[in-house]
Each structure stands twice: as C-alpha cells, then as structure tokens.
C-alpha cells in the first residue's frame, strides 16, 4: 500500500496524482488505519 511506503497522505497523493483529501477519504472509507478521532473545539489534546 502506498501509505506504508510514503508515510504521509501528501506524498501518497503526489505519487498517485490525486488530491490529498481523496487519499484521506479513501483511508477512512475503507478503514485502512484506525482514525485518531476528532476533537471538539476547545477540547484538550492529551
């Protein structure tokens, strides 16, 4: 998989000639990696 080779969605997008947002969407859609979850506004990062 391209993500394991390039380690970041921007480099994957460049290699595949697609938008970075598309890479992120596909990773989430096919659950290729666990999502870190979204923090709500004002929520602390621990």
PDB file of N, CA and C in Angstrom:
ATOM      1  N   UNK A   1       0.836  -1.177   0.000  1.00  0.00           N
ATOM      2  CA  UNK A   1       0.000   0.000   0.000  1.00  0.00           C
ATOM      3  C   UNK A   1       0.886   1.247   0.000  1.00  0.00           C
ATOM      4  N   UNK A   2       0.449   2.251  -0.696  1.00  0.00           N
ATOM      5  CA  UNK A   2       1.241   3.475  -0.861  1.00  0.00           C
ATOM      6  C   UNK A   2       1.490   4.186   0.461  1.00  0.00           C
ATOM      7  N   UNK A   3       0.523   4.161   1.365  1.00  0.00           N
ATOM      8  CA  UNK A   3       0.683   4.884   2.628  1.00  0.00           C
ATOM      9  C   UNK A   3       1.828   4.321   3.464  1.00  0.00           C
ATOM     10  N   UNK A   4       1.988   3.019   3.476  1.00  0.00           N
ATOM     11  CA  UNK A   4       3.081   2.425   4.249  1.00  0.00           C
ATOM     12  C   UNK A   4       4.438   2.771   3.642  1.00  0.00           C
ATOM     13  N   UNK A   5       4.451   3.024   2.354  1.00  0.00           N
ATOM     14  CA  UNK A   5       5.714   3.399   1.695  1.00  0.00           C
ATOM     15  C   UNK A   5       6.051   4.878   1.891  1.00  0.00           C
ATOM     16  N   UNK A   6       5.050   5.744   1.723  1.00  0.00           N
ATOM     17  CA  UNK A   6       5.300   7.185   1.754  1.00  0.00           C
ATOM     18  C   UNK A   6       5.101   7.830   3.122  1.00  0.00           C
ATOM     19  N   UNK A   7       4.375   7.183   3.997  1.00  0.00           N
ATOM     20  CA  UNK A   7       4.187   7.609   5.389  1.00  0.00           C
ATOM     21  C   UNK A   7       3.402   8.899   5.602  1.00  0.00           C
ATOM     22  N   UNK A   8       2.934   9.519   4.540  1.00  0.00           N
ATOM     23  CA  UNK A   8       2.117  10.716   4.735  1.00  0.00           C
ATOM     24  C   UNK A   8       1.202  10.911   3.532  1.00  0.00           C
ATOM     25  N   UNK A   9       0.013  11.418   3.811  1.00  0.00           N
ATOM     26  CA  UNK A   9      -1.017  11.482   2.775  1.00  0.00           C
ATOM     27  C   UNK A   9      -0.679  12.448   1.645  1.00  0.00           C
ATOM     28  N   UNK A  10       0.117  13.470   1.932  1.00  0.00           N
ATOM     29  CA  UNK A  10       0.513  14.415   0.880  1.00  0.00           C
ATOM     30  C   UNK A  10       1.426  13.744  -0.144  1.00  0.00           C
ATOM     31  N   UNK A  11       2.352  12.925   0.340  1.00  0.00           N
ATOM     32  CA  UNK A  11       3.265  12.232  -0.574  1.00  0.00           C
ATOM     33  C   UNK A  11       2.543  11.141  -1.355  1.00  0.00           C
ATOM     34  N   UNK A  12       1.595  10.471  -0.704  1.00  0.00           N
ATOM     35  CA  UNK A  12       0.787   9.456  -1.386  1.00  0.00           C
ATOM     36  C   UNK A  12      -0.007  10.108  -2.514  1.00  0.00           C
ATOM     37  N   UNK A  13      -0.641  11.234  -2.222  1.00  0.00           N
ATOM     38  CA  UNK A  13      -1.434  11.940  -3.229  1.00  0.00           C
ATOM     39  C   UNK A  13      -0.573  12.354  -4.408  1.00  0.00           C
ATOM     40  N   UNK A  14       0.616  12.835  -4.126  1.00  0.00           N
ATOM     41  CA  UNK A  14       1.527  13.245  -5.191  1.00  0.00           C
ATOM     42  C   UNK A  14       1.919  12.042  -6.053  1.00  0.00           C
ATOM     43  N   UNK A  15       2.229  10.925  -5.427  1.00  0.00           N
ATOM     44  CA  UNK A  15       2.634   9.718  -6.156  1.00  0.00           C
ATOM     45  C   UNK A  15       1.500   9.168  -7.024  1.00  0.00           C
ATOM     46  N   UNK A  16       0.269   9.285  -6.528  1.00  0.00           N
ATOM     47  CA  UNK A  16      -0.887   8.748  -7.253  1.00  0.00           C
ATOM     48  C   UNK A  16      -1.568   9.791  -8.149  1.00  0.00           C
ATOM     49  N   UNK A  17      -1.071  11.013  -8.096  1.00  0.00           N
ATOM     50  CA  UNK A  17      -1.620  12.128  -8.881  1.00  0.00           C
ATOM     51  C   UNK A  17      -3.105  12.344  -8.590  1.00  0.00           C
ATOM     52  N   UNK A  18      -3.434  12.351  -7.281  1.00  0.00           N
ATOM     53  CA  UNK A  18      -4.795  12.650  -6.837  1.00  0.00           C
ATOM     54  C   UNK A  18      -4.710  13.671  -5.704  1.00  0.00           C
ATOM     55  N   UNK A  19      -5.851  14.212  -5.300  1.00  0.00           N
ATOM     56  CA  UNK A  19      -5.886  15.171  -4.199  1.00  0.00           C
ATOM     57  C   UNK A  19      -5.624  14.483  -2.873  1.00  0.00           C
ATOM     58  N   UNK A  20      -4.995  15.211  -1.963  1.00  0.00           N
ATOM     59  CA  UNK A  20      -4.707  14.679  -0.633  1.00  0.00           C
ATOM     60  C   UNK A  20      -5.999  14.360   0.103  1.00  0.00           C
ATOM     61  N   UNK A  21      -7.024  15.178  -0.089  1.00  0.00           N
ATOM     62  CA  UNK A  21      -8.296  14.922   0.582  1.00  0.00           C
ATOM     63  C   UNK A  21      -8.918  13.608   0.121  1.00  0.00           C
ATOM     64  N   UNK A  22      -8.686  13.248  -1.126  1.00  0.00           N
ATOM     65  CA  UNK A  22      -9.176  11.969  -1.654  1.00  0.00           C
ATOM     66  C   UNK A  22      -8.480  10.811  -0.958  1.00  0.00           C
ATOM     67  N   UNK A  23      -7.187  10.938  -0.745  1.00  0.00           N
ATOM     68  CA  UNK A  23      -6.425   9.897  -0.039  1.00  0.00           C
ATOM     69  C   UNK A  23      -7.000   9.701   1.365  1.00  0.00           C
ATOM     70  N   UNK A  24      -7.220  10.798   2.070  1.00  0.00           N
ATOM     71  CA  UNK A  24      -7.757  10.727   3.432  1.00  0.00           C
ATOM     72  C   UNK A  24      -9.139  10.087   3.426  1.00  0.00           C
ATOM     73  N   UNK A  25      -9.987  10.498   2.480  1.00  0.00           N
ATOM     74  CA  UNK A  25     -11.335   9.941   2.380  1.00  0.00           C
ATOM     75  C   UNK A  25     -11.313   8.435   2.137  1.00  0.00           C
ATOM     76  N   UNK A  26     -10.446   7.983   1.259  1.00  0.00           N
ATOM     77  CA  UNK A  26     -10.362   6.547   0.954  1.00  0.00           C
ATOM     78  C   UNK A  26      -9.838   5.752   2.148  1.00  0.00           C
ATOM     79  N   UNK A  27      -8.859   6.311   2.844  1.00  0.00           N
ATOM     80  CA  UNK A  27      -8.329   5.638   4.032  1.00  0.00           C
ATOM     81  C   UNK A  27      -9.434   5.464   5.068  1.00  0.00           C
ATOM     82  N   UNK A  28     -10.215   6.525   5.269  1.00  0.00           N
ATOM     83  CA  UNK A  28     -11.321   6.447   6.232  1.00  0.00           C
ATOM     84  C   UNK A  28     -12.435   5.523   5.745  1.00  0.00           C
ATOM     85  N   UNK A  29     -12.777   5.612   4.460  1.00  0.00           N
ATOM     86  CA  UNK A  29     -13.866   4.814   3.902  1.00  0.00           C
ATOM     87  C   UNK A  29     -13.584   3.319   4.028  1.00  0.00           C
ATOM     88  N   UNK A  30     -12.369   2.926   3.703  1.00  0.00           N
ATOM     89  CA  UNK A  30     -12.021   1.514   3.730  1.00  0.00           C
ATOM     90  C   UNK A  30     -11.366   1.098   5.035  1.00  0.00           C
ATOM     91  N   UNK A  31     -11.354   2.004   6.009  1.00  0.00           N
ATOM     92  CA  UNK A  31     -10.816   1.737   7.338  1.00  0.00           C
ATOM     93  C   UNK A  31      -9.443   1.081   7.279  1.00  0.00           C
ATOM     94  N   UNK A  32      -8.568   1.677   6.472  1.00  0.00           N
ATOM     95  CA  UNK A  32      -7.231   1.118   6.297  1.00  0.00           C
ATOM     96  C   UNK A  32      -6.363   1.332   7.522  1.00  0.00           C
ATOM     97  N   UNK A  33      -6.636   2.393   8.263  1.00  0.00           N
ATOM     98  CA  UNK A  33      -5.929   2.668   9.505  1.00  0.00           C
ATOM     99  C   UNK A  33      -6.946   3.206  10.485  1.00  0.00           C
ATOM    100  N   UNK A  34      -6.769   2.929  11.760  1.00  0.00           N
ATOM    101  CA  UNK A  34      -7.722   3.476  12.731  1.00  0.00           C
ATOM    102  C   UNK A  34      -7.657   4.996  12.735  1.00  0.00           C
ATOM    103  N   UNK A  35      -8.800   5.635  12.707  1.00  0.00           N
ATOM    104  CA  UNK A  35      -8.804   7.096  12.708  1.00  0.00           C
ATOM    105  C   UNK A  35      -8.510   7.593  14.114  1.00  0.00           C
ATOM    106  N   UNK A  36      -7.765   8.681  14.213  1.00  0.00           N
ATOM    107  CA  UNK A  36      -7.422   9.207  15.527  1.00  0.00           C
ATOM    108  C   UNK A  36      -8.601   9.850  16.239  1.00  0.00           C
ATOM    109  N   UNK A  37      -9.688  10.061  15.541  1.00  0.00           N
ATOM    110  CA  UNK A  37     -10.865  10.683  16.129  1.00  0.00           C
ATOM    111  C   UNK A  37     -10.747  12.195  16.091  1.00  0.00           C
ATOM    112  N   UNK A  38     -11.860  12.830  16.059  1.00  0.00           N
ATOM    113  CA  UNK A  38     -11.865  14.288  16.006  1.00  0.00           C
ATOM    114  C   UNK A  38     -12.044  14.843  17.409  1.00  0.00           C
ATOM    115  N   UNK A  39     -11.321  15.906  17.663  1.00  0.00           N
ATOM    116  CA  UNK A  39     -11.507  16.622  18.915  1.00  0.00           C
ATOM    117  C   UNK A  39     -12.516  17.728  18.672  1.00  0.00           C
ATOM    118  N   UNK A  40     -13.284  18.003  19.684  1.00  0.00           N
ATOM    119  CA  UNK A  40     -14.223  19.111  19.575  1.00  0.00           C
ATOM    120  C   UNK A  40     -13.500  20.404  19.899  1.00  0.00           C
ATOM    121  N   UNK A  41     -14.038  21.474  19.406  1.00  0.00           N
ATOM    122  CA  UNK A  41     -13.446  22.788  19.619  1.00  0.00           C
ATOM    123  C   UNK A  41     -13.243  23.049  21.106  1.00  0.00           C
ATOM    124  N   UNK A  42     -12.033  23.429  21.468  1.00  0.00           N
ATOM    125  CA  UNK A  42     -11.726  23.726  22.859  1.00  0.00           C
ATOM    126  C   UNK A  42     -11.335  22.515  23.678  1.00  0.00           C
ATOM    127  N   UNK A  43     -11.421  21.343  23.099  1.00  0.00           N
ATOM    128  CA  UNK A  43     -11.089  20.117  23.823  1.00  0.00           C
ATOM    129  C   UNK A  43      -9.566  19.966  23.880  1.00  0.00           C
ATOM    130  N   UNK A  44      -9.069  19.594  25.012  1.00  0.00           N
ATOM    131  CA  UNK A  44      -7.632  19.461  25.220  1.00  0.00           C
ATOM    132  C   UNK A  44      -7.078  18.240  24.512  1.00  0.00           C
ATOM    133  N   UNK A  45      -5.834  18.357  24.084  1.00  0.00           N
ATOM    134  CA  UNK A  45      -5.147  17.238  23.432  1.00  0.00           C
ATOM    135  C   UNK A  45      -4.261  16.549  24.465  1.00  0.00           C
ATOM    136  N   UNK A  46      -4.573  15.315  24.792  1.00  0.00           N
ATOM    137  CA  UNK A  46      -3.769  14.562  25.759  1.00  0.00           C
ATOM    138  C   UNK A  46      -3.215  13.321  25.161  1.00  0.00           C
TER     139      UNK A  46
END
